[in-house]
Amino acid sequence: MIIENVAVKPETRNHKGFFVQETSYRLVGMDQSGWALICIDDAVCHYVDPDDLSLPGEAMNDLD
């Protein structure tokens, strides 16, 4: 599964605890432990919590 143009929510951290850049990524897939693999290009990829992803144009209601 590859989905183009997913974004990360503010202050998203990767599986190592480092902040990831807030930009557009490709969702490459999910691993067996539940992490989402996202990539900017062939050299820069991160494993992140799938709950920290959003599709472009998706409304985020963080104020509720």
Protein backbone atom coordinates (compact mmCIF):
# COMPACT_ATOMS: atom_id res chain seq x y z
CA MET A 1 0.00 0.00 0.00
CA ILE A 2 1.42 3.38 -1.00
CA ILE A 3 -0.62 6.52 -0.42
CA GLU A 4 0.79 9.78 -1.67
CA ASN A 5 0.58 12.98 0.35
CA VAL A 6 -0.07 12.22 3.97
CA ALA A 7 0.88 14.77 6.59
CA VAL A 8 1.96 14.43 10.19
CA LYS A 9 0.29 16.25 13.05
CA PRO A 10 2.31 18.86 14.96
CA GLU A 11 4.89 17.48 17.41
CA THR A 12 4.82 13.97 15.89
CA ARG A 13 7.70 11.77 17.02
CA ASN A 14 9.15 8.73 15.27
CA HIS A 15 9.67 5.32 16.87
CA LYS A 16 12.98 6.51 18.34
CA GLY A 17 11.39 9.53 20.02
CA PHE A 18 12.70 12.20 17.64
CA PHE A 19 10.43 14.87 16.18
CA VAL A 20 9.70 14.46 12.47
CA GLN A 21 9.48 17.34 10.03
CA GLU A 22 5.96 18.62 9.35
CA THR A 23 5.78 18.12 5.59
CA SER A 24 4.14 15.90 3.00
CA TYR A 25 5.08 12.19 3.10
CA ARG A 26 4.25 9.00 1.24
CA LEU A 27 2.59 6.34 3.39
CA VAL A 28 4.45 3.19 2.37
CA GLY A 29 2.77 0.74 4.73
CA MET A 30 2.34 -0.61 8.22
CA ASP A 31 4.70 -3.00 9.99
CA GLN A 32 3.61 -5.92 12.17
CA SER A 33 4.05 -3.95 15.39
CA GLY A 34 1.63 -1.23 14.22
CA TRP A 35 4.00 1.56 13.17
CA ALA A 36 3.28 3.42 9.91
CA LEU A 37 6.24 3.78 7.53
CA ILE A 38 6.28 7.21 5.89
CA CYS A 39 8.91 8.53 3.47
CA ILE A 40 9.85 11.91 2.01
CA ASP A 41 12.05 10.26 -0.63
CA ASP A 42 14.08 7.05 -1.03
CA ALA A 43 16.57 8.14 1.64
CA VAL A 44 14.41 9.72 4.38
CA CYS A 45 11.80 7.53 6.06
CA HIS A 46 10.29 7.36 9.54
CA TYR A 47 8.17 4.94 11.55
CA VAL A 48 5.39 6.88 13.28
CA ASP A 49 2.17 6.20 15.15
CA PRO A 50 -0.62 5.96 12.54
CA ASP A 51 -2.81 8.16 14.76
CA ASP A 52 -0.38 11.04 14.05
CA LEU A 53 -1.12 10.99 10.30
CA SER A 54 -3.69 13.02 8.41
CA LEU A 55 -4.73 13.23 4.79
CA PRO A 56 -4.47 16.62 3.07
CA GLY A 57 -7.65 18.60 3.59
CA GLU A 58 -8.70 16.44 6.52
CA ALA A 59 -10.20 18.60 9.26
CA MET A 60 -8.47 18.23 12.59
CA ASN A 61 -10.57 19.20 15.61
CA ASP A 62 -7.93 19.50 18.31
CA LEU A 63 -9.95 22.11 20.20
CA ASP A 64 -12.73 19.74 21.33
